[in-house]
PDB file of all heavy atoms in Angstrom:
ATOM      1  N   VAL A   1      -9.982  -0.043  24.414  1.00  0.00           N
ATOM      2  CA  VAL A   1      -8.762   0.091  25.242  1.00  0.00           C
ATOM      3  C   VAL A   1      -8.442   1.525  25.532  1.00  0.00           C
ATOM      4  O   VAL A   1      -8.280   2.345  24.569  1.00  0.00           O
ATOM      5  CB  VAL A   1      -7.599  -0.655  24.562  1.00  0.00           C
ATOM      6  CG1 VAL A   1      -6.308  -0.439  25.325  1.00  0.00           C
ATOM      7  CG2 VAL A   1      -7.934  -2.115  24.417  1.00  0.00           C
ATOM      8  N   ARG A   2      -8.285   1.835  26.785  1.00  0.00           N
ATOM      9  CA  ARG A   2      -7.888   3.235  27.232  1.00  0.00           C
ATOM     10  C   ARG A   2      -6.608   3.121  28.036  1.00  0.00           C
ATOM     11  O   ARG A   2      -6.705   2.591  29.191  1.00  0.00           O
ATOM     12  CB  ARG A   2      -8.979   3.876  27.979  1.00  0.00           C
ATOM     13  CG  ARG A   2     -10.380   3.798  27.340  1.00  0.00           C
ATOM     14  CD  ARG A   2     -10.460   4.593  26.046  1.00  0.00           C
ATOM     15  NE  ARG A   2     -10.335   5.965  26.244  1.00  0.00           N
ATOM     16  CZ  ARG A   2     -11.341   6.870  26.229  1.00  0.00           C
ATOM     17  NH1 ARG A   2     -12.605   6.409  26.109  1.00  0.00           N
ATOM     18  NH2 ARG A   2     -11.167   8.131  26.382  1.00  0.00           N
ATOM     19  N   VAL A   3      -5.475   3.613  27.464  1.00  0.00           N
ATOM     20  CA  VAL A   3      -4.180   3.498  28.200  1.00  0.00           C
ATOM     21  C   VAL A   3      -3.653   4.933  28.306  1.00  0.00           C
ATOM     22  O   VAL A   3      -3.679   5.692  27.310  1.00  0.00           O
ATOM     23  CB  VAL A   3      -3.227   2.613  27.460  1.00  0.00           C
ATOM     24  CG1 VAL A   3      -1.839   2.662  28.144  1.00  0.00           C
ATOM     25  CG2 VAL A   3      -3.733   1.207  27.446  1.00  0.00           C
ATOM     26  N   HIS A   4      -3.141   5.306  29.492  1.00  0.00           N
ATOM     27  CA  HIS A   4      -2.630   6.668  29.629  1.00  0.00           C
ATOM     28  C   HIS A   4      -1.513   6.728  30.689  1.00  0.00           C
ATOM     29  O   HIS A   4      -1.516   5.862  31.602  1.00  0.00           O
ATOM     30  CB  HIS A   4      -3.816   7.570  30.141  1.00  0.00           C
ATOM     31  CG  HIS A   4      -3.535   9.049  30.091  1.00  0.00           C
ATOM     32  ND1 HIS A   4      -2.939   9.691  31.154  1.00  0.00           N
ATOM     33  CD2 HIS A   4      -3.681   9.912  29.155  1.00  0.00           C
ATOM     34  CE1 HIS A   4      -2.836  11.006  30.799  1.00  0.00           C
ATOM     35  NE2 HIS A   4      -3.284  11.179  29.614  1.00  0.00           N
ATOM     36  N   THR A   5      -0.675   7.658  30.643  1.00  0.00           N
ATOM     37  CA  THR A   5       0.363   7.860  31.641  1.00  0.00           C
ATOM     38  C   THR A   5      -0.295   8.030  33.001  1.00  0.00           C
ATOM     39  O   THR A   5      -1.351   8.659  33.105  1.00  0.00           O
ATOM     40  CB  THR A   5       1.169   9.175  31.319  1.00  0.00           C
ATOM     41  OG1 THR A   5       1.698   9.056  30.019  1.00  0.00           O
ATOM     42  CG2 THR A   5       2.324   9.318  32.318  1.00  0.00           C
ATOM     43  N   TYR A   6       0.360   7.376  33.952  1.00  0.00           N
ATOM     44  CA  TYR A   6      -0.175   7.347  35.309  1.00  0.00           C
ATOM     45  C   TYR A   6       0.874   7.721  36.358  1.00  0.00           C
ATOM     46  O   TYR A   6       1.990   7.454  36.202  1.00  0.00           O
ATOM     47  CB  TYR A   6      -0.615   5.888  35.580  1.00  0.00           C
ATOM     48  CG  TYR A   6      -1.645   5.619  36.631  1.00  0.00           C
ATOM     49  CD1 TYR A   6      -2.429   6.680  37.263  1.00  0.00           C
ATOM     50  CD2 TYR A   6      -1.921   4.293  37.042  1.00  0.00           C
ATOM     51  CE1 TYR A   6      -3.358   6.373  38.227  1.00  0.00           C
ATOM     52  CE2 TYR A   6      -2.884   4.026  38.051  1.00  0.00           C
ATOM     53  CZ  TYR A   6      -3.576   5.036  38.603  1.00  0.00           C
ATOM     54  OH  TYR A   6      -4.538   4.765  39.535  1.00  0.00           O
ATOM     55  N   LEU A   7       0.432   8.489  37.450  1.00  0.00           N
ATOM     56  CA  LEU A   7       1.360   8.793  38.521  1.00  0.00           C
ATOM     57  C   LEU A   7       1.496   7.671  39.430  1.00  0.00           C
ATOM     58  O   LEU A   7       0.820   7.677  40.555  1.00  0.00           O
ATOM     59  CB  LEU A   7       0.888  10.126  39.182  1.00  0.00           C
ATOM     60  CG  LEU A   7       0.916  11.361  38.304  1.00  0.00           C
ATOM     61  CD1 LEU A   7       0.543  12.609  39.153  1.00  0.00           C
ATOM     62  CD2 LEU A   7       2.283  11.628  37.629  1.00  0.00           C
ATOM     63  N   GLY A   8       2.199   6.642  39.044  1.00  0.00           N
ATOM     64  CA  GLY A   8       2.295   5.436  39.909  1.00  0.00           C
ATOM     65  C   GLY A   8       3.592   4.691  39.610  1.00  0.00           C
ATOM     66  O   GLY A   8       4.198   4.740  38.590  1.00  0.00           O
ATOM     67  N   VAL A   9       4.072   3.985  40.697  1.00  0.00           N
ATOM     68  CA  VAL A   9       5.313   3.240  40.567  1.00  0.00           C
ATOM     69  C   VAL A   9       5.101   1.824  41.179  1.00  0.00           C
ATOM     70  O   VAL A   9       4.517   1.717  42.226  1.00  0.00           O
ATOM     71  CB  VAL A   9       6.504   3.924  41.236  1.00  0.00           C
ATOM     72  CG1 VAL A   9       6.284   4.136  42.737  1.00  0.00           C
ATOM     73  CG2 VAL A   9       7.831   3.206  41.051  1.00  0.00           C
ATOM     74  N   ALA A  10       5.573   0.820  40.527  1.00  0.00           N
ATOM     75  CA  ALA A  10       5.642  -0.547  41.081  1.00  0.00           C
ATOM     76  C   ALA A  10       7.035  -0.747  41.650  1.00  0.00           C
ATOM     77  O   ALA A  10       7.988  -0.437  40.980  1.00  0.00           O
ATOM     78  CB  ALA A  10       5.283  -1.575  40.031  1.00  0.00           C
ATOM     79  N   TYR A  11       7.068  -1.283  42.869  1.00  0.00           N
ATOM     80  CA  TYR A  11       8.403  -1.486  43.401  1.00  0.00           C
ATOM     81  C   TYR A  11       8.413  -2.716  44.407  1.00  0.00           C
ATOM     82  O   TYR A  11       7.366  -3.228  44.722  1.00  0.00           O
ATOM     83  CB  TYR A  11       8.788  -0.234  44.250  1.00  0.00           C
ATOM     84  CG  TYR A  11       7.886   0.138  45.399  1.00  0.00           C
ATOM     85  CD1 TYR A  11       8.235  -0.230  46.740  1.00  0.00           C
ATOM     86  CD2 TYR A  11       6.708   0.739  45.231  1.00  0.00           C
ATOM     87  CE1 TYR A  11       7.458   0.094  47.829  1.00  0.00           C
ATOM     88  CE2 TYR A  11       5.893   1.101  46.336  1.00  0.00           C
ATOM     89  CZ  TYR A  11       6.292   0.754  47.638  1.00  0.00           C
ATOM     90  OH  TYR A  11       5.436   1.110  48.640  1.00  0.00           O
ATOM     91  N   LEU A  12       9.584  -3.100  44.797  1.00  0.00           N
ATOM     92  CA  LEU A  12       9.733  -4.169  45.773  1.00  0.00           C
ATOM     93  C   LEU A  12      10.321  -3.543  47.085  1.00  0.00           C
ATOM     94  O   LEU A  12      11.268  -2.723  46.991  1.00  0.00           O
ATOM     95  CB  LEU A  12      10.768  -5.238  45.247  1.00  0.00           C
ATOM     96  CG  LEU A  12      10.312  -5.904  43.983  1.00  0.00           C
ATOM     97  CD1 LEU A  12      11.365  -6.800  43.379  1.00  0.00           C
ATOM     98  CD2 LEU A  12       9.002  -6.734  44.170  1.00  0.00           C
ATOM     99  N   ALA A  13       9.747  -3.882  48.182  1.00  0.00           N
ATOM    100  CA  ALA A  13      10.163  -3.362  49.500  1.00  0.00           C
ATOM    101  C   ALA A  13      10.833  -4.518  50.225  1.00  0.00           C
ATOM    102  O   ALA A  13      10.327  -5.575  50.293  1.00  0.00           O
ATOM    103  CB  ALA A  13       8.937  -2.841  50.233  1.00  0.00           C
ATOM    104  N   PHE A  14      11.988  -4.163  50.819  1.00  0.00           N
ATOM    105  CA  PHE A  14      12.726  -5.116  51.624  1.00  0.00           C
ATOM    106  C   PHE A  14      12.450  -4.884  53.095  1.00  0.00           C
ATOM    107  O   PHE A  14      12.633  -3.748  53.594  1.00  0.00           O
ATOM    108  CB  PHE A  14      14.201  -4.948  51.333  1.00  0.00           C
ATOM    109  CG  PHE A  14      14.629  -5.066  49.913  1.00  0.00           C
ATOM    110  CD1 PHE A  14      15.090  -3.968  49.207  1.00  0.00           C
ATOM    111  CD2 PHE A  14      14.399  -6.235  49.218  1.00  0.00           C
ATOM    112  CE1 PHE A  14      15.482  -4.085  47.855  1.00  0.00           C
ATOM    113  CE2 PHE A  14      14.743  -6.367  47.878  1.00  0.00           C
ATOM    114  CZ  PHE A  14      15.261  -5.247  47.199  1.00  0.00           C
ATOM    115  N   ASN A  15      12.006  -5.923  53.784  1.00  0.00           N
ATOM    116  CA  ASN A  15      11.611  -5.753  55.162  1.00  0.00           C
ATOM    117  C   ASN A  15      12.844  -5.620  56.074  1.00  0.00           C
ATOM    118  O   ASN A  15      13.519  -6.607  56.341  1.00  0.00           O
ATOM    119  CB  ASN A  15      10.751  -6.964  55.640  1.00  0.00           C
ATOM    120  CG  ASN A  15      10.090  -6.771  57.013  1.00  0.00           C
ATOM    121  OD1 ASN A  15      10.566  -5.861  57.777  1.00  0.00           O
ATOM    122  ND2 ASN A  15       9.173  -7.571  57.351  1.00  0.00           N
ATOM    123  N   ASN A  16      13.054  -4.378  56.591  1.00  0.00           N
ATOM    124  CA  ASN A  16      14.213  -4.109  57.374  1.00  0.00           C
ATOM    125  C   ASN A  16      13.734  -3.692  58.809  1.00  0.00           C
ATOM    126  O   ASN A  16      14.448  -2.993  59.488  1.00  0.00           O
ATOM    127  CB  ASN A  16      15.004  -2.930  56.774  1.00  0.00           C
ATOM    128  CG  ASN A  16      16.418  -2.873  57.384  1.00  0.00           C
ATOM    129  OD1 ASN A  16      16.914  -3.883  57.845  1.00  0.00           O
ATOM    130  ND2 ASN A  16      16.955  -1.697  57.300  1.00  0.00           N
ATOM    131  N   ASN A  17      12.541  -4.159  59.179  1.00  0.00           N
ATOM    132  CA  ASN A  17      12.050  -3.862  60.538  1.00  0.00           C
ATOM    133  C   ASN A  17      12.957  -4.362  61.530  1.00  0.00           C
ATOM    134  O   ASN A  17      13.440  -5.544  61.478  1.00  0.00           O
ATOM    135  CB  ASN A  17      10.642  -4.453  60.720  1.00  0.00           C
ATOM    136  CG  ASN A  17      10.037  -4.126  62.078  1.00  0.00           C
ATOM    137  OD1 ASN A  17      10.302  -4.742  63.049  1.00  0.00           O
ATOM    138  ND2 ASN A  17       9.114  -3.157  62.036  1.00  0.00           N
ATOM    139  N   PRO A  18      13.351  -3.556  62.568  1.00  0.00           N
ATOM    140  CA  PRO A  18      14.328  -3.996  63.588  1.00  0.00           C
ATOM    141  C   PRO A  18      13.905  -5.256  64.369  1.00  0.00           C
ATOM    142  O   PRO A  18      14.762  -6.035  64.790  1.00  0.00           O
ATOM    143  CB  PRO A  18      14.412  -2.761  64.545  1.00  0.00           C
ATOM    144  CG  PRO A  18      13.892  -1.589  63.732  1.00  0.00           C
ATOM    145  CD  PRO A  18      12.860  -2.154  62.800  1.00  0.00           C
ATOM    146  N   LYS A  19      12.592  -5.453  64.458  1.00  0.00           N
ATOM    147  CA  LYS A  19      12.106  -6.649  65.248  1.00  0.00           C
ATOM    148  C   LYS A  19      11.715  -7.756  64.347  1.00  0.00           C
ATOM    149  O   LYS A  19      12.020  -8.989  64.626  1.00  0.00           O
ATOM    150  CB  LYS A  19      10.971  -6.223  66.128  1.00  0.00           C
ATOM    151  CG  LYS A  19      11.389  -5.216  67.209  1.00  0.00           C
ATOM    152  CD  LYS A  19      10.218  -4.905  68.128  1.00  0.00           C
ATOM    153  CE  LYS A  19      10.570  -3.918  69.226  1.00  0.00           C
ATOM    154  NZ  LYS A  19       9.373  -3.553  70.086  1.00  0.00           N
ATOM    155  N   THR A  20      10.973  -7.507  63.298  1.00  0.00           N
ATOM    156  CA  THR A  20      10.352  -8.623  62.532  1.00  0.00           C
ATOM    157  C   THR A  20      10.966  -8.697  61.104  1.00  0.00           C
ATOM    158  O   THR A  20      10.543  -9.562  60.304  1.00  0.00           O
ATOM    159  CB  THR A  20       8.890  -8.376  62.358  1.00  0.00           C
ATOM    160  OG1 THR A  20       8.610  -7.201  61.708  1.00  0.00           O
ATOM    161  CG2 THR A  20       8.146  -8.300  63.728  1.00  0.00           C
ATOM    162  N   GLY A  21      11.939  -7.859  60.759  1.00  0.00           N
ATOM    163  CA  GLY A  21      12.480  -7.844  59.485  1.00  0.00           C
ATOM    164  C   GLY A  21      13.446  -8.992  59.204  1.00  0.00           C
ATOM    165  O   GLY A  21      13.677  -9.881  60.078  1.00  0.00           O
ATOM    166  N   PHE A  22      13.799  -9.137  57.955  1.00  0.00           N
ATOM    167  CA  PHE A  22      14.674 -10.211  57.469  1.00  0.00           C
ATOM    168  C   PHE A  22      16.110  -9.746  57.658  1.00  0.00           C
ATOM    169  O   PHE A  22      16.555  -8.816  57.000  1.00  0.00           O
ATOM    170  CB  PHE A  22      14.324 -10.441  55.970  1.00  0.00           C
ATOM    171  CG  PHE A  22      15.015 -11.631  55.473  1.00  0.00           C
ATOM    172  CD1 PHE A  22      14.955 -12.925  56.108  1.00  0.00           C
ATOM    173  CD2 PHE A  22      15.699 -11.544  54.222  1.00  0.00           C
ATOM    174  CE1 PHE A  22      15.587 -13.998  55.537  1.00  0.00           C
ATOM    175  CE2 PHE A  22      16.314 -12.721  53.701  1.00  0.00           C
ATOM    176  CZ  PHE A  22      16.261 -13.891  54.366  1.00  0.00           C
ATOM    177  N   PRO A  23      16.955 -10.340  58.517  1.00  0.00           N
ATOM    178  CA  PRO A  23      18.193  -9.877  58.916  1.00  0.00           C
ATOM    179  C   PRO A  23      19.162  -9.602  57.706  1.00  0.00           C
ATOM    180  O   PRO A  23      19.871  -8.556  57.778  1.00  0.00           O
ATOM    181  CB  PRO A  23      18.771 -10.990  59.826  1.00  0.00           C
ATOM    182  CG  PRO A  23      17.563 -11.548  60.429  1.00  0.00           C
ATOM    183  CD  PRO A  23      16.525 -11.564  59.398  1.00  0.00           C
ATOM    184  N   PRO A  24      19.217 -10.427  56.712  1.00  0.00           N
ATOM    185  CA  PRO A  24      20.141 -10.086  55.583  1.00  0.00           C
ATOM    186  C   PRO A  24      19.873  -8.697  54.978  1.00  0.00           C
ATOM    187  O   PRO A  24      20.775  -8.086  54.409  1.00  0.00           O
ATOM    188  CB  PRO A  24      19.901 -11.221  54.565  1.00  0.00           C
ATOM    189  CG  PRO A  24      19.412 -12.363  55.351  1.00  0.00           C
ATOM    190  CD  PRO A  24      18.610 -11.705  56.475  1.00  0.00           C
ATOM    191  N   PHE A  25      18.636  -8.188  55.083  1.00  0.00           N
ATOM    192  CA  PHE A  25      18.309  -6.975  54.454  1.00  0.00           C
ATOM    193  C   PHE A  25      18.818  -5.733  55.267  1.00  0.00           C
ATOM    194  O   PHE A  25      18.671  -4.577  54.812  1.00  0.00           O
ATOM    195  CB  PHE A  25      16.818  -6.796  54.164  1.00  0.00           C
ATOM    196  CG  PHE A  25      16.277  -7.799  53.146  1.00  0.00           C
ATOM    197  CD1 PHE A  25      14.995  -8.203  53.160  1.00  0.00           C
ATOM    198  CD2 PHE A  25      17.127  -8.318  52.194  1.00  0.00           C
ATOM    199  CE1 PHE A  25      14.497  -9.132  52.208  1.00  0.00           C
ATOM    200  CE2 PHE A  25      16.702  -9.232  51.275  1.00  0.00           C
ATOM    201  CZ  PHE A  25      15.352  -9.609  51.268  1.00  0.00           C
ATOM    202  N   ARG A  26      19.373  -5.977  56.371  1.00  0.00           N
ATOM    203  CA  ARG A  26      20.007  -4.942  57.138  1.00  0.00           C
ATOM    204  C   ARG A  26      21.345  -4.499  56.564  1.00  0.00           C
ATOM    205  O   ARG A  26      21.899  -3.408  56.895  1.00  0.00           O
ATOM    206  CB  ARG A  26      20.201  -5.283  58.656  1.00  0.00           C
ATOM    207  CG  ARG A  26      18.759  -5.449  59.281  1.00  0.00           C
ATOM    208  CD  ARG A  26      18.858  -6.052  60.624  1.00  0.00           C
ATOM    209  NE  ARG A  26      17.543  -6.415  61.144  1.00  0.00           N
ATOM    210  CZ  ARG A  26      17.321  -7.249  62.097  1.00  0.00           C
ATOM    211  NH1 ARG A  26      18.290  -7.839  62.762  1.00  0.00           N
ATOM    212  NH2 ARG A  26      16.060  -7.542  62.474  1.00  0.00           N
ATOM    213  N   ASP A  27      21.831  -5.294  55.647  1.00  0.00           N
ATOM    214  CA  ASP A  27      23.052  -4.993  54.892  1.00  0.00           C
ATOM    215  C   ASP A  27      22.756  -4.302  53.601  1.00  0.00           C
ATOM    216  O   ASP A  27      22.124  -4.899  52.713  1.00  0.00           O
ATOM    217  CB  ASP A  27      23.842  -6.295  54.625  1.00  0.00           C
ATOM    218  CG  ASP A  27      25.256  -6.081  54.207  1.00  0.00           C
ATOM    219  OD1 ASP A  27      25.515  -5.085  53.452  1.00  0.00           O
ATOM    220  OD2 ASP A  27      26.191  -6.857  54.564  1.00  0.00           O
ATOM    221  N   ARG A  28      23.181  -3.055  53.433  1.00  0.00           N
ATOM    222  CA  ARG A  28      22.904  -2.350  52.228  1.00  0.00           C
ATOM    223  C   ARG A  28      23.388  -2.971  50.977  1.00  0.00           C
ATOM    224  O   ARG A  28      22.800  -2.894  49.942  1.00  0.00           O
ATOM    225  CB  ARG A  28      23.433  -0.897  52.343  1.00  0.00           C
ATOM    226  CG  ARG A  28      23.064  -0.056  51.129  1.00  0.00           C
ATOM    227  CD  ARG A  28      23.390   1.427  51.319  1.00  0.00           C
ATOM    228  NE  ARG A  28      24.893   1.653  51.243  1.00  0.00           N
ATOM    229  CZ  ARG A  28      25.416   2.809  51.049  1.00  0.00           C
ATOM    230  NH1 ARG A  28      24.656   3.923  50.989  1.00  0.00           N
ATOM    231  NH2 ARG A  28      26.654   2.992  51.038  1.00  0.00           N
TER     232      ARG A  28
END
């Protein structure tokens, strides 16, 4: 097993695209 600090982040992105996005996510 080889485990080490990594320059990486896991995240969730909210689709706020003006045309195809999810309308509720336009509200901060």
